[in-house]
Amino acid sequence: MFKLTILTIGKYKESWVAEAVEHYKKLLSKLVKLNIKIISPPPNSGSLCSSVLIKAEAEKILKAKGQTTTNKNAPGGKTTERH
């Protein structure tokens, strides 16, 4: 059986989204082991410009996966490791 992990930023804002997710989880359960992981959004995400927000969300997703990337624009630049 395949394993499928879906990483998502933030909770579902609409109730119909949660219902749809549960519906598709049930349908897919015969084919894959589905794991949905909700990642908290970056702090102050509402006030960040889109390019900064995208980079912050990408870092949180990679961190949740156990990976990091180099951010050359960050002061001092971060070291990278991919597992």
N, C-alpha and C. Protein backbone atom coordinates (compact mmCIF):
# COMPACT_ATOMS: atom_id res chain seq x y z
N MET A 1 0.85 -1.17 0.00
CA MET A 1 0.00 0.00 0.00
C MET A 1 0.90 1.24 0.00
N PHE A 2 0.55 2.21 -0.80
CA PHE A 2 1.29 3.47 -0.87
C PHE A 2 0.99 4.33 0.34
N LYS A 3 1.97 5.14 0.70
CA LYS A 3 1.77 6.13 1.75
C LYS A 3 1.78 7.50 1.09
N LEU A 4 0.82 8.33 1.43
CA LEU A 4 0.72 9.67 0.88
C LEU A 4 0.56 10.66 2.03
N THR A 5 1.47 11.62 2.09
CA THR A 5 1.40 12.66 3.11
C THR A 5 1.13 13.97 2.43
N ILE A 6 0.13 14.68 2.89
CA ILE A 6 -0.20 16.00 2.38
C ILE A 6 0.10 17.00 3.48
N LEU A 7 0.96 17.97 3.16
CA LEU A 7 1.29 19.03 4.10
C LEU A 7 0.51 20.27 3.70
N THR A 8 -0.16 20.88 4.65
CA THR A 8 -0.95 22.07 4.37
C THR A 8 -0.65 23.14 5.41
N ILE A 9 -0.65 24.39 4.97
CA ILE A 9 -0.39 25.51 5.87
C ILE A 9 -1.72 26.02 6.42
N GLY A 10 -1.85 26.03 7.73
CA GLY A 10 -3.05 26.57 8.37
C GLY A 10 -4.23 25.63 8.35
N LYS A 11 -5.18 25.92 9.22
CA LYS A 11 -6.39 25.11 9.33
C LYS A 11 -7.36 25.47 8.21
N TYR A 12 -8.33 24.59 8.01
CA TYR A 12 -9.35 24.84 6.99
C TYR A 12 -10.26 25.97 7.46
N LYS A 13 -10.45 26.96 6.61
CA LYS A 13 -11.26 28.11 7.00
C LYS A 13 -12.75 27.85 6.81
N GLU A 14 -13.09 27.01 5.89
CA GLU A 14 -14.49 26.72 5.59
C GLU A 14 -14.82 25.28 6.00
N SER A 15 -16.00 25.08 6.54
CA SER A 15 -16.38 23.74 7.00
C SER A 15 -16.51 22.75 5.84
N TRP A 16 -16.91 23.25 4.65
CA TRP A 16 -17.07 22.35 3.52
C TRP A 16 -15.73 21.76 3.09
N VAL A 17 -14.63 22.47 3.35
CA VAL A 17 -13.30 21.96 3.00
C VAL A 17 -12.98 20.75 3.87
N ALA A 18 -13.24 20.87 5.17
CA ALA A 18 -12.99 19.75 6.09
C ALA A 18 -13.85 18.55 5.70
N GLU A 19 -15.09 18.79 5.31
CA GLU A 19 -15.98 17.70 4.88
C GLU A 19 -15.45 17.04 3.61
N ALA A 20 -14.97 17.84 2.66
CA ALA A 20 -14.43 17.30 1.42
C ALA A 20 -13.17 16.48 1.69
N VAL A 21 -12.31 16.97 2.57
CA VAL A 21 -11.09 16.25 2.92
C VAL A 21 -11.44 14.89 3.51
N GLU A 22 -12.39 14.86 4.42
CA GLU A 22 -12.81 13.59 5.03
C GLU A 22 -13.40 12.65 3.99
N HIS A 23 -14.17 13.19 3.07
CA HIS A 23 -14.78 12.38 2.01
C HIS A 23 -13.69 11.72 1.15
N TYR A 24 -12.72 12.51 0.71
CA TYR A 24 -11.66 11.96 -0.13
C TYR A 24 -10.71 11.05 0.64
N LYS A 25 -10.51 11.32 1.92
CA LYS A 25 -9.71 10.41 2.73
C LYS A 25 -10.36 9.04 2.76
N LYS A 26 -11.67 9.02 2.89
CA LYS A 26 -12.41 7.76 2.92
C LYS A 26 -12.29 7.04 1.57
N LEU A 27 -12.44 7.78 0.48
CA LEU A 27 -12.33 7.16 -0.84
C LEU A 27 -10.93 6.62 -1.10
N LEU A 28 -9.93 7.37 -0.71
CA LEU A 28 -8.55 6.98 -0.98
C LEU A 28 -8.02 5.92 -0.03
N SER A 29 -8.70 5.70 1.08
CA SER A 29 -8.20 4.77 2.10
C SER A 29 -8.03 3.34 1.56
N LYS A 30 -8.73 3.00 0.50
CA LYS A 30 -8.59 1.66 -0.08
C LYS A 30 -7.33 1.55 -0.94
N LEU A 31 -6.80 2.70 -1.35
CA LEU A 31 -5.64 2.71 -2.25
C LEU A 31 -4.34 3.13 -1.58
N VAL A 32 -4.44 4.07 -0.66
CA VAL A 32 -3.23 4.63 -0.02
C VAL A 32 -3.47 4.85 1.46
N LYS A 33 -2.36 4.86 2.20
CA LYS A 33 -2.43 5.26 3.60
C LYS A 33 -2.20 6.77 3.59
N LEU A 34 -3.24 7.53 3.88
CA LEU A 34 -3.20 8.98 3.76
C LEU A 34 -2.96 9.64 5.10
N ASN A 35 -2.01 10.56 5.12
CA ASN A 35 -1.69 11.33 6.32
C ASN A 35 -1.73 12.80 5.94
N ILE A 36 -2.58 13.57 6.61
CA ILE A 36 -2.66 15.00 6.35
C ILE A 36 -2.09 15.71 7.56
N LYS A 37 -1.05 16.50 7.32
CA LYS A 37 -0.37 17.22 8.40
C LYS A 37 -0.61 18.71 8.21
N ILE A 38 -1.21 19.34 9.21
CA ILE A 38 -1.47 20.77 9.17
C ILE A 38 -0.33 21.49 9.88
N ILE A 39 0.30 22.39 9.15
CA ILE A 39 1.44 23.15 9.66
C ILE A 39 0.94 24.54 10.02
N SER A 40 1.37 25.04 11.17
CA SER A 40 0.94 26.39 11.56
C SER A 40 1.56 27.42 10.62
N PRO A 41 0.80 28.46 10.29
CA PRO A 41 1.34 29.49 9.40
C PRO A 41 2.46 30.27 10.08
N PRO A 42 3.32 30.90 9.28
CA PRO A 42 4.39 31.71 9.85
C PRO A 42 3.81 32.85 10.70
N PRO A 43 4.55 33.29 11.72
CA PRO A 43 4.06 34.41 12.53
C PRO A 43 3.87 35.65 11.66
N ASN A 44 2.85 36.42 11.96
CA ASN A 44 2.55 37.66 11.23
C ASN A 44 2.33 37.42 9.74
N SER A 45 1.81 36.26 9.36
CA SER A 45 1.66 35.93 7.94
C SER A 45 0.71 36.90 7.23
N GLY A 46 -0.23 37.47 7.95
CA GLY A 46 -1.16 38.41 7.34
C GLY A 46 -0.51 39.72 6.92
N SER A 47 0.61 40.05 7.53
CA SER A 47 1.27 41.33 7.23
C SER A 47 2.48 41.17 6.32
N LEU A 48 2.82 39.94 5.92
CA LEU A 48 3.99 39.72 5.07
C LEU A 48 3.64 39.90 3.60
N CYS A 49 4.58 40.41 2.81
CA CYS A 49 4.34 40.49 1.37
C CYS A 49 4.39 39.06 0.82
N SER A 50 3.80 38.85 -0.34
CA SER A 50 3.62 37.49 -0.85
C SER A 50 4.94 36.74 -1.05
N SER A 51 5.98 37.42 -1.54
CA SER A 51 7.24 36.71 -1.78
C SER A 51 7.88 36.25 -0.46
N VAL A 52 7.81 37.08 0.57
CA VAL A 52 8.35 36.71 1.88
C VAL A 52 7.51 35.60 2.50
N LEU A 53 6.20 35.69 2.35
CA LEU A 53 5.29 34.67 2.88
C LEU A 53 5.55 33.32 2.22
N ILE A 54 5.72 33.31 0.92
CA ILE A 54 5.98 32.05 0.20
C ILE A 54 7.28 31.41 0.69
N LYS A 55 8.32 32.22 0.87
CA LYS A 55 9.59 31.68 1.36
C LYS A 55 9.45 31.14 2.79
N ALA A 56 8.71 31.87 3.63
CA ALA A 56 8.52 31.43 5.02
C ALA A 56 7.72 30.13 5.07
N GLU A 57 6.68 30.03 4.23
CA GLU A 57 5.88 28.81 4.19
C GLU A 57 6.70 27.65 3.65
N ALA A 58 7.53 27.90 2.64
CA ALA A 58 8.37 26.85 2.08
C ALA A 58 9.34 26.31 3.14
N GLU A 59 9.93 27.20 3.92
CA GLU A 59 10.83 26.78 4.99
C GLU A 59 10.10 25.91 6.01
N LYS A 60 8.87 26.30 6.37
CA LYS A 60 8.10 25.52 7.35
C LYS A 60 7.76 24.14 6.80
N ILE A 61 7.42 24.07 5.52
CA ILE A 61 7.10 22.78 4.89
C ILE A 61 8.34 21.90 4.87
N LEU A 62 9.47 22.44 4.43
CA LEU A 62 10.70 21.64 4.39
C LEU A 62 11.13 21.21 5.79
N LYS A 63 10.94 22.08 6.77
CA LYS A 63 11.28 21.72 8.15
C LYS A 63 10.40 20.56 8.62
N ALA A 64 9.11 20.60 8.26
CA ALA A 64 8.18 19.52 8.63
C ALA A 64 8.58 18.20 7.97
N LYS A 65 9.20 18.30 6.79
CA LYS A 65 9.67 17.11 6.09
C LYS A 65 11.04 16.67 6.55
N GLY A 66 11.69 17.49 7.41
CA GLY A 66 13.03 17.15 7.88
C GLY A 66 14.11 17.61 6.94
N GLN A 67 13.82 18.63 6.11
CA GLN A 67 14.79 19.17 5.18
C GLN A 67 14.95 20.65 5.44
N THR A 68 16.08 21.19 5.01
CA THR A 68 16.29 22.63 5.08
C THR A 68 16.87 23.09 3.75
N THR A 69 16.78 24.36 3.49
CA THR A 69 17.34 24.91 2.25
C THR A 69 18.21 26.10 2.59
N THR A 70 19.00 26.51 1.63
CA THR A 70 19.81 27.71 1.81
C THR A 70 18.98 28.92 1.45
N ASN A 71 18.99 29.89 2.31
CA ASN A 71 18.32 31.15 2.04
C ASN A 71 19.43 32.17 1.88
N LYS A 72 19.86 32.40 0.65
CA LYS A 72 20.98 33.29 0.38
C LYS A 72 20.65 34.73 0.75
N ASN A 73 19.37 35.08 0.80
CA ASN A 73 18.97 36.44 1.12
C ASN A 73 18.93 36.71 2.62
N ALA A 74 19.00 35.66 3.40
CA ALA A 74 18.95 35.83 4.86
C ALA A 74 20.30 36.33 5.35
N PRO A 75 20.29 37.15 6.39
CA PRO A 75 21.57 37.61 6.94
C PRO A 75 22.43 36.44 7.37
N GLY A 76 23.64 36.38 6.87
CA GLY A 76 24.54 35.28 7.22
C GLY A 76 24.29 34.03 6.41
N GLY A 77 23.20 33.96 5.68
CA GLY A 77 22.87 32.78 4.87
C GLY A 77 22.77 31.51 5.70
N LYS A 78 21.76 30.74 5.51
CA LYS A 78 21.57 29.50 6.27
C LYS A 78 22.26 28.36 5.55
N THR A 79 22.75 27.41 6.31
CA THR A 79 23.35 26.22 5.71
C THR A 79 22.25 25.29 5.27
N THR A 80 22.58 24.49 4.27
CA THR A 80 21.54 23.61 3.76
C THR A 80 21.87 22.16 3.98
N GLU A 81 20.84 21.42 4.23
CA GLU A 81 20.94 19.97 4.29
C GLU A 81 19.67 19.41 3.73
N ARG A 82 19.82 18.40 2.89
CA ARG A 82 18.67 17.68 2.37
C ARG A 82 18.84 16.23 2.74
N HIS A 83 17.79 15.62 3.25
CA HIS A 83 17.84 14.22 3.69
C HIS A 83 17.14 13.36 2.68
